[in-house]
């Protein structure tokens, strides 16, 4: 699915711990127009649960959540602004 996404912005949050990836994502997504897609890359082990909850709470759409087996492990999220 990733190849088909028209990503508007990429936000690198590697090395940051909760709550910074969520705070920075909220700031970045506020700059986008409805329907645009933000790609976020994070290494915080709690990020998958945090992003799922944040998307549900804010109404933004978590289109995809994947894991890249890098060192450290990276979590990649594609979020569509509501």
N, C-alpha and C. Protein backbone atom coordinates (compact mmCIF):
# COMPACT_ATOMS: atom_id res chain seq x y z
N UNK A 1 0.83 -1.20 0.00
CA UNK A 1 0.00 0.00 0.00
C UNK A 1 0.87 1.26 0.00
N UNK A 2 2.03 1.22 0.63
CA UNK A 2 2.88 2.40 0.77
C UNK A 2 3.17 3.06 -0.57
N UNK A 3 3.43 2.25 -1.60
CA UNK A 3 3.78 2.81 -2.90
C UNK A 3 2.64 3.68 -3.46
N UNK A 4 1.42 3.38 -3.10
CA UNK A 4 0.26 4.07 -3.64
C UNK A 4 -0.06 5.37 -2.90
N UNK A 5 0.58 5.60 -1.77
CA UNK A 5 0.26 6.77 -0.97
C UNK A 5 0.95 8.02 -1.51
N UNK A 6 0.23 9.11 -1.54
CA UNK A 6 0.78 10.39 -1.95
C UNK A 6 1.17 11.14 -0.68
N UNK A 7 2.39 10.92 -0.23
CA UNK A 7 2.86 11.49 1.03
C UNK A 7 3.17 12.98 0.86
N UNK A 8 2.59 13.79 1.73
CA UNK A 8 2.77 15.24 1.67
C UNK A 8 3.96 15.71 2.49
N UNK A 9 4.25 15.01 3.58
CA UNK A 9 5.32 15.43 4.50
C UNK A 9 5.86 14.21 5.23
N UNK A 10 7.17 14.26 5.54
CA UNK A 10 7.80 13.20 6.32
C UNK A 10 8.34 13.81 7.60
N UNK A 11 8.05 13.16 8.72
CA UNK A 11 8.49 13.64 10.03
C UNK A 11 9.34 12.55 10.69
N UNK A 12 10.62 12.84 10.87
CA UNK A 12 11.56 11.89 11.48
C UNK A 12 11.60 12.13 12.98
N UNK A 13 11.13 11.14 13.74
CA UNK A 13 11.09 11.24 15.20
C UNK A 13 11.97 10.18 15.87
N UNK A 14 12.94 9.68 15.11
CA UNK A 14 13.84 8.66 15.64
C UNK A 14 14.63 9.21 16.82
N UNK A 15 14.73 8.41 17.87
CA UNK A 15 15.50 8.79 19.05
C UNK A 15 14.70 9.56 20.09
N UNK A 16 13.49 9.95 19.77
CA UNK A 16 12.65 10.69 20.72
C UNK A 16 11.70 9.74 21.44
N UNK A 17 11.44 10.04 22.70
CA UNK A 17 10.55 9.22 23.50
C UNK A 17 9.23 9.95 23.76
N UNK A 18 8.21 9.19 24.11
CA UNK A 18 6.89 9.72 24.45
C UNK A 18 7.03 10.81 25.51
N UNK A 19 6.35 11.91 25.34
CA UNK A 19 5.29 12.19 24.38
C UNK A 19 5.75 12.97 23.15
N UNK A 20 7.04 13.18 22.98
CA UNK A 20 7.52 14.04 21.88
C UNK A 20 7.07 13.62 20.48
N UNK A 21 7.14 12.34 20.10
CA UNK A 21 6.67 12.02 18.74
C UNK A 21 5.21 12.40 18.49
N UNK A 22 4.36 12.22 19.48
CA UNK A 22 2.95 12.58 19.32
C UNK A 22 2.78 14.10 19.28
N UNK A 23 3.45 14.81 20.16
CA UNK A 23 3.36 16.28 20.18
C UNK A 23 3.82 16.85 18.84
N UNK A 24 4.97 16.37 18.35
CA UNK A 24 5.50 16.88 17.09
C UNK A 24 4.63 16.49 15.90
N UNK A 25 4.02 15.31 15.96
CA UNK A 25 3.11 14.88 14.90
C UNK A 25 1.88 15.78 14.88
N UNK A 26 1.34 16.09 16.04
CA UNK A 26 0.16 16.98 16.11
C UNK A 26 0.49 18.35 15.51
N UNK A 27 1.67 18.87 15.82
CA UNK A 27 2.07 20.17 15.27
C UNK A 27 2.21 20.10 13.75
N UNK A 28 2.83 19.03 13.28
CA UNK A 28 3.09 18.90 11.84
C UNK A 28 1.81 18.66 11.05
N UNK A 29 0.92 17.84 11.58
CA UNK A 29 -0.31 17.53 10.84
C UNK A 29 -1.23 18.75 10.79
N UNK A 30 -1.10 19.64 11.77
CA UNK A 30 -1.93 20.86 11.76
C UNK A 30 -1.58 21.77 10.59
N UNK A 31 -0.40 21.60 10.02
CA UNK A 31 0.04 22.42 8.87
C UNK A 31 -0.49 21.87 7.55
N UNK A 32 -1.01 20.63 7.57
CA UNK A 32 -1.49 20.00 6.35
C UNK A 32 -2.96 20.30 6.11
N UNK A 33 -3.39 20.10 4.88
CA UNK A 33 -4.80 20.25 4.52
C UNK A 33 -5.50 18.91 4.71
N UNK A 34 -6.80 18.95 4.86
CA UNK A 34 -7.59 17.74 5.01
C UNK A 34 -7.31 16.79 3.84
N UNK A 35 -7.06 15.52 4.17
CA UNK A 35 -6.80 14.51 3.16
C UNK A 35 -5.33 14.28 2.87
N UNK A 36 -4.47 15.21 3.25
CA UNK A 36 -3.04 15.03 3.02
C UNK A 36 -2.48 13.99 3.97
N UNK A 37 -1.35 13.39 3.58
CA UNK A 37 -0.78 12.29 4.34
C UNK A 37 0.58 12.66 4.92
N UNK A 38 0.74 12.36 6.20
CA UNK A 38 1.99 12.57 6.92
C UNK A 38 2.61 11.21 7.21
N UNK A 39 3.89 11.06 6.84
CA UNK A 39 4.63 9.85 7.17
C UNK A 39 5.49 10.17 8.38
N UNK A 40 5.38 9.36 9.43
CA UNK A 40 6.15 9.57 10.66
C UNK A 40 7.00 8.32 10.89
N UNK A 41 8.27 8.56 11.22
CA UNK A 41 9.19 7.47 11.54
C UNK A 41 9.62 7.67 12.99
N UNK A 42 9.43 6.64 13.82
CA UNK A 42 9.75 6.74 15.25
C UNK A 42 10.46 5.47 15.71
N UNK A 43 11.21 5.59 16.79
CA UNK A 43 11.89 4.42 17.37
C UNK A 43 11.40 4.10 18.78
N UNK A 44 10.55 4.92 19.34
CA UNK A 44 10.02 4.68 20.68
C UNK A 44 9.19 3.39 20.66
N UNK A 45 9.53 2.40 21.49
CA UNK A 45 8.80 1.12 21.50
C UNK A 45 7.30 1.28 21.76
N UNK A 46 6.89 2.35 22.42
CA UNK A 46 5.48 2.56 22.70
C UNK A 46 4.74 3.27 21.58
N UNK A 47 5.45 3.64 20.53
CA UNK A 47 4.85 4.44 19.46
C UNK A 47 3.63 3.78 18.80
N UNK A 48 3.65 2.49 18.49
CA UNK A 48 2.46 1.92 17.83
C UNK A 48 1.16 2.11 18.63
N UNK A 49 1.22 1.88 19.91
CA UNK A 49 0.03 2.07 20.76
C UNK A 49 -0.31 3.56 20.85
N UNK A 50 0.70 4.40 21.02
CA UNK A 50 0.48 5.85 21.14
C UNK A 50 -0.17 6.42 19.88
N UNK A 51 0.34 6.05 18.71
CA UNK A 51 -0.19 6.60 17.47
C UNK A 51 -1.59 6.10 17.17
N UNK A 52 -1.85 4.84 17.50
CA UNK A 52 -3.20 4.31 17.30
C UNK A 52 -4.21 5.06 18.17
N UNK A 53 -3.86 5.27 19.43
CA UNK A 53 -4.74 6.01 20.34
C UNK A 53 -4.90 7.46 19.93
N UNK A 54 -3.80 8.08 19.53
CA UNK A 54 -3.85 9.49 19.12
C UNK A 54 -4.74 9.67 17.89
N UNK A 55 -4.57 8.79 16.91
CA UNK A 55 -5.39 8.90 15.69
C UNK A 55 -6.87 8.73 16.03
N UNK A 56 -7.18 7.75 16.87
CA UNK A 56 -8.57 7.51 17.27
C UNK A 56 -9.14 8.73 17.99
N UNK A 57 -8.36 9.32 18.89
CA UNK A 57 -8.82 10.47 19.67
C UNK A 57 -9.01 11.72 18.82
N UNK A 58 -8.12 11.92 17.86
CA UNK A 58 -8.16 13.16 17.07
C UNK A 58 -9.03 13.06 15.83
N UNK A 59 -9.35 11.84 15.42
CA UNK A 59 -10.15 11.66 14.21
C UNK A 59 -9.32 11.57 12.95
N UNK A 60 -8.00 11.70 13.07
CA UNK A 60 -7.13 11.50 11.92
C UNK A 60 -7.07 10.01 11.63
N UNK A 61 -6.74 9.65 10.39
CA UNK A 61 -6.81 8.25 9.97
C UNK A 61 -5.41 7.64 9.90
N UNK A 62 -5.19 6.60 10.70
CA UNK A 62 -3.94 5.86 10.64
C UNK A 62 -4.08 4.86 9.51
N UNK A 63 -3.54 5.22 8.34
CA UNK A 63 -3.69 4.39 7.16
C UNK A 63 -2.84 3.13 7.22
N UNK A 64 -1.66 3.28 7.80
CA UNK A 64 -0.73 2.16 7.81
C UNK A 64 0.25 2.31 8.96
N UNK A 65 0.60 1.20 9.57
CA UNK A 65 1.58 1.17 10.64
C UNK A 65 2.46 -0.04 10.38
N UNK A 66 3.76 0.20 10.13
CA UNK A 66 4.66 -0.90 9.82
C UNK A 66 5.91 -0.83 10.70
N UNK A 67 6.62 -1.94 10.74
CA UNK A 67 7.86 -2.03 11.51
C UNK A 67 9.00 -2.30 10.55
N UNK A 68 10.07 -1.54 10.69
CA UNK A 68 11.28 -1.79 9.91
C UNK A 68 12.31 -2.38 10.86
N UNK A 69 12.80 -3.54 10.53
CA UNK A 69 13.75 -4.25 11.40
C UNK A 69 15.16 -3.67 11.22
N UNK A 70 15.32 -2.42 11.58
CA UNK A 70 16.61 -1.76 11.53
C UNK A 70 17.18 -1.74 12.94
N UNK A 71 18.31 -1.15 13.13
CA UNK A 71 18.87 -1.02 14.47
C UNK A 71 19.08 0.46 14.79
N UNK A 72 18.28 1.06 15.67
CA UNK A 72 17.17 0.42 16.40
C UNK A 72 15.95 0.22 15.50
N UNK A 73 15.04 -0.62 15.97
CA UNK A 73 13.80 -0.89 15.24
C UNK A 73 13.06 0.41 15.01
N UNK A 74 12.56 0.59 13.78
CA UNK A 74 11.80 1.81 13.45
C UNK A 74 10.34 1.46 13.18
N UNK A 75 9.47 2.35 13.60
CA UNK A 75 8.04 2.22 13.35
C UNK A 75 7.65 3.32 12.37
N UNK A 76 6.93 2.95 11.31
CA UNK A 76 6.55 3.90 10.28
C UNK A 76 5.03 4.00 10.25
N UNK A 77 4.55 5.23 10.31
CA UNK A 77 3.11 5.49 10.33
C UNK A 77 2.74 6.40 9.16
N UNK A 78 1.63 6.09 8.52
CA UNK A 78 1.08 6.96 7.48
C UNK A 78 -0.27 7.43 8.01
N UNK A 79 -0.35 8.73 8.23
CA UNK A 79 -1.54 9.32 8.85
C UNK A 79 -2.17 10.32 7.91
N UNK A 80 -3.47 10.15 7.66
CA UNK A 80 -4.19 11.08 6.80
C UNK A 80 -4.93 12.08 7.68
N UNK A 81 -4.74 13.35 7.37
CA UNK A 81 -5.42 14.38 8.15
C UNK A 81 -6.92 14.35 7.88
N UNK A 82 -7.68 14.46 8.94
CA UNK A 82 -9.16 14.42 8.81
C UNK A 82 -9.65 15.62 8.07
